[in-house]
N, C-alpha and C. Protein backbone atom coordinates (compact mmCIF):
# COMPACT_ATOMS: atom_id res chain seq x y z
N MET A 1 69.86 138.32 -24.73
CA MET A 1 70.82 138.94 -23.78
C MET A 1 71.85 137.90 -23.31
N THR A 2 73.11 138.28 -23.35
CA THR A 2 74.14 137.36 -22.91
C THR A 2 74.24 137.30 -21.37
N GLU A 3 74.89 136.23 -20.84
CA GLU A 3 75.04 136.21 -19.42
C GLU A 3 75.76 137.47 -18.83
N ASP A 4 76.77 137.77 -19.54
CA ASP A 4 77.42 139.12 -19.13
C ASP A 4 76.51 140.32 -19.07
N GLU A 5 75.73 140.49 -20.03
CA GLU A 5 74.79 141.53 -20.04
C GLU A 5 73.69 141.40 -18.91
N ALA A 6 73.28 140.18 -18.61
CA ALA A 6 72.37 139.98 -17.56
C ALA A 6 72.92 140.35 -16.18
N PHE A 7 74.18 139.96 -15.97
CA PHE A 7 74.81 140.43 -14.71
C PHE A 7 74.86 141.98 -14.65
N ILE A 8 75.30 142.62 -15.71
CA ILE A 8 75.36 144.07 -15.68
C ILE A 8 73.97 144.69 -15.43
N ARG A 9 72.97 144.15 -16.06
CA ARG A 9 71.66 144.66 -15.83
C ARG A 9 71.22 144.50 -14.39
N SER A 10 71.58 143.41 -13.64
CA SER A 10 71.23 143.22 -12.24
C SER A 10 71.99 144.25 -11.42
N ILE A 11 73.22 144.58 -11.81
CA ILE A 11 73.96 145.63 -11.05
C ILE A 11 73.31 146.97 -11.25
N VAL A 12 72.95 147.30 -12.50
CA VAL A 12 72.31 148.60 -12.74
C VAL A 12 70.96 148.71 -12.05
N ASP A 13 70.19 147.59 -12.03
CA ASP A 13 68.91 147.68 -11.35
C ASP A 13 68.93 147.70 -9.86
N SER A 14 70.12 147.35 -9.19
CA SER A 14 70.27 147.35 -7.77
C SER A 14 71.51 148.04 -7.37
N PRO A 15 71.58 149.38 -7.53
CA PRO A 15 72.83 150.03 -7.34
C PRO A 15 73.41 150.04 -5.92
N GLY A 16 72.49 149.90 -4.96
CA GLY A 16 73.01 149.90 -3.47
C GLY A 16 73.32 148.47 -2.97
N ASP A 17 73.16 147.48 -3.86
CA ASP A 17 73.26 146.15 -3.38
C ASP A 17 74.54 145.48 -3.91
N ASP A 18 75.41 145.13 -3.02
CA ASP A 18 76.78 144.51 -3.38
C ASP A 18 76.61 143.10 -3.93
N THR A 19 75.57 142.45 -3.66
CA THR A 19 75.35 141.09 -4.07
C THR A 19 75.53 140.77 -5.51
N PRO A 20 74.76 141.54 -6.35
CA PRO A 20 74.97 141.27 -7.85
C PRO A 20 76.47 141.49 -8.31
N ARG A 21 77.11 142.45 -7.74
CA ARG A 21 78.49 142.70 -8.09
C ARG A 21 79.42 141.56 -7.64
N LEU A 22 79.10 141.04 -6.49
CA LEU A 22 80.02 139.90 -6.03
C LEU A 22 79.69 138.60 -6.70
N VAL A 23 78.48 138.33 -7.09
CA VAL A 23 78.10 137.15 -7.88
C VAL A 23 78.73 137.31 -9.25
N TYR A 24 78.60 138.37 -9.85
CA TYR A 24 79.28 138.63 -11.19
C TYR A 24 80.77 138.47 -11.07
N ALA A 25 81.40 138.97 -9.99
CA ALA A 25 82.87 138.82 -9.75
C ALA A 25 83.27 137.39 -9.67
N ASP A 26 82.38 136.58 -9.03
CA ASP A 26 82.69 135.15 -8.87
C ASP A 26 82.66 134.50 -10.24
N TRP A 27 81.57 134.88 -11.10
CA TRP A 27 81.41 134.28 -12.42
C TRP A 27 82.62 134.70 -13.28
N LEU A 28 83.02 135.92 -13.21
CA LEU A 28 84.23 136.37 -14.02
C LEU A 28 85.47 135.65 -13.48
N ASP A 29 85.64 135.50 -12.25
CA ASP A 29 86.82 134.81 -11.66
C ASP A 29 86.89 133.39 -12.17
N ASP A 30 85.73 132.71 -12.18
CA ASP A 30 85.70 131.29 -12.77
C ASP A 30 86.20 131.28 -14.15
N ARG A 31 86.14 132.38 -14.90
CA ARG A 31 86.52 132.33 -16.34
C ARG A 31 87.88 133.00 -16.52
N GLY A 32 88.59 133.38 -15.35
CA GLY A 32 89.87 133.95 -15.50
C GLY A 32 89.77 135.39 -16.05
N ASP A 33 88.66 136.01 -15.88
CA ASP A 33 88.51 137.38 -16.40
C ASP A 33 89.02 138.41 -15.50
N PRO A 34 89.83 139.35 -15.83
CA PRO A 34 90.42 140.34 -14.91
C PRO A 34 89.43 141.35 -14.40
N ARG A 35 88.16 141.40 -14.89
CA ARG A 35 87.12 142.25 -14.39
C ARG A 35 86.67 141.82 -12.93
N GLY A 36 86.84 140.48 -12.65
CA GLY A 36 86.35 140.06 -11.33
C GLY A 36 87.09 140.77 -10.18
N PRO A 37 88.50 140.81 -10.20
CA PRO A 37 89.16 141.55 -9.12
C PRO A 37 88.81 143.02 -9.08
N TYR A 38 88.56 143.67 -10.25
CA TYR A 38 88.06 145.09 -10.26
C TYR A 38 86.78 145.16 -9.47
N LEU A 39 85.77 144.31 -9.75
CA LEU A 39 84.49 144.44 -9.12
C LEU A 39 84.66 144.29 -7.57
N ARG A 40 85.51 143.36 -7.15
CA ARG A 40 85.72 143.14 -5.69
C ARG A 40 86.38 144.36 -5.06
N ALA A 41 87.39 144.92 -5.71
CA ALA A 41 88.01 146.10 -5.20
C ALA A 41 87.04 147.29 -5.11
N GLU A 42 86.18 147.36 -6.07
CA GLU A 42 85.23 148.50 -6.06
C GLU A 42 84.28 148.37 -4.94
N VAL A 43 83.82 147.20 -4.68
CA VAL A 43 82.98 146.94 -3.51
C VAL A 43 83.62 147.40 -2.20
N GLU A 44 84.88 146.96 -2.04
CA GLU A 44 85.66 147.40 -0.82
C GLU A 44 85.72 148.88 -0.76
N TRP A 45 86.15 149.49 -1.91
CA TRP A 45 86.38 150.96 -2.00
C TRP A 45 85.12 151.73 -1.62
N ALA A 46 83.93 151.24 -2.05
CA ALA A 46 82.69 151.98 -1.77
C ALA A 46 82.03 151.84 -0.37
N LYS A 47 82.64 150.97 0.49
CA LYS A 47 82.07 150.74 1.75
C LYS A 47 81.83 151.99 2.59
N PRO A 48 82.69 152.99 2.55
CA PRO A 48 82.42 154.18 3.38
C PRO A 48 81.11 154.88 3.04
N TRP A 49 80.72 154.77 1.83
CA TRP A 49 79.39 155.42 1.46
C TRP A 49 78.29 154.97 2.34
N ARG A 50 78.34 153.76 2.82
CA ARG A 50 77.17 153.22 3.61
C ARG A 50 77.18 153.96 5.01
N ASN A 51 78.24 154.51 5.40
CA ASN A 51 78.33 155.21 6.70
C ASN A 51 78.27 156.80 6.44
N GLY A 52 77.99 157.18 5.22
CA GLY A 52 77.81 158.58 4.91
C GLY A 52 79.08 159.29 4.74
N ARG A 53 80.21 158.50 4.46
CA ARG A 53 81.53 159.07 4.32
C ARG A 53 81.89 158.91 2.84
N ARG A 54 82.69 159.82 2.37
CA ARG A 54 83.08 159.69 0.94
C ARG A 54 84.38 158.86 0.95
N PRO A 55 84.53 157.87 -0.04
CA PRO A 55 85.70 157.07 0.00
C PRO A 55 86.87 157.93 -0.54
N ARG A 56 88.09 157.49 -0.12
CA ARG A 56 89.30 158.22 -0.64
C ARG A 56 89.63 157.70 -1.95
N ALA A 57 90.41 158.46 -2.74
CA ALA A 57 90.94 158.06 -4.03
C ALA A 57 91.74 156.82 -3.81
N ASN A 58 91.66 155.90 -4.78
CA ASN A 58 92.28 154.63 -4.63
C ASN A 58 93.06 154.28 -5.90
N ALA A 59 94.40 154.39 -5.85
CA ALA A 59 95.18 154.22 -6.94
C ALA A 59 95.21 152.69 -7.34
N ALA A 60 95.08 151.79 -6.41
CA ALA A 60 95.00 150.34 -6.79
C ALA A 60 93.76 150.09 -7.62
N LEU A 61 92.67 150.71 -7.30
CA LEU A 61 91.44 150.39 -8.03
C LEU A 61 91.66 150.99 -9.51
N TRP A 62 92.22 152.21 -9.54
CA TRP A 62 92.51 152.77 -10.86
C TRP A 62 93.35 151.94 -11.70
N LYS A 63 94.34 151.34 -11.07
CA LYS A 63 95.26 150.45 -11.77
C LYS A 63 94.49 149.22 -12.36
N LEU A 64 93.61 148.66 -11.50
CA LEU A 64 92.84 147.52 -12.04
C LEU A 64 91.95 147.89 -13.15
N ALA A 65 91.42 149.18 -13.11
CA ALA A 65 90.55 149.65 -14.15
C ALA A 65 91.21 149.98 -15.43
N ASP A 66 92.41 150.35 -15.36
CA ASP A 66 93.18 150.93 -16.47
C ASP A 66 93.08 150.03 -17.76
N PRO A 67 93.26 148.71 -17.72
CA PRO A 67 93.30 147.88 -18.87
C PRO A 67 91.91 147.55 -19.31
N LEU A 68 90.86 147.87 -18.50
CA LEU A 68 89.55 147.40 -18.80
C LEU A 68 88.82 148.33 -19.77
N ASP A 69 87.71 147.89 -20.32
CA ASP A 69 86.89 148.64 -21.30
C ASP A 69 86.27 149.79 -20.42
N PRO A 70 86.54 151.06 -20.78
CA PRO A 70 86.07 152.17 -19.90
C PRO A 70 84.48 152.24 -19.98
N VAL A 71 83.85 151.74 -21.02
CA VAL A 71 82.38 151.69 -21.08
C VAL A 71 81.90 150.68 -20.01
N TRP A 72 82.44 149.54 -19.95
CA TRP A 72 82.15 148.54 -18.95
C TRP A 72 82.27 149.05 -17.62
N VAL A 73 83.50 149.73 -17.27
CA VAL A 73 83.71 150.22 -15.95
C VAL A 73 82.64 151.18 -15.63
N ALA A 74 82.28 152.11 -16.54
CA ALA A 74 81.21 153.03 -16.26
C ALA A 74 79.86 152.43 -15.99
N ARG A 75 79.59 151.39 -16.61
CA ARG A 75 78.30 150.74 -16.47
C ARG A 75 78.14 149.99 -15.08
N VAL A 76 79.27 149.42 -14.65
CA VAL A 76 79.10 148.70 -13.40
C VAL A 76 79.49 149.55 -12.13
N SER A 77 80.03 150.74 -12.38
CA SER A 77 80.41 151.54 -11.29
C SER A 77 79.29 152.45 -10.73
């Protein structure tokens, strides 16, 4: 298993925990990978769920996701 896959597995295994996403985002940022900013934006976008509210559509998040592999986006979202 690659490091990238291990991070994804930790996200999948803990869907309600932002920590794996943020650690993965740091790791990606250290490598200049554009997926890091996407993960950070997704964490911010999803915060209303914690209070039982549905987040609003977020064009900036979609723009960050647009150039990324859609399979990767689906797996970490």
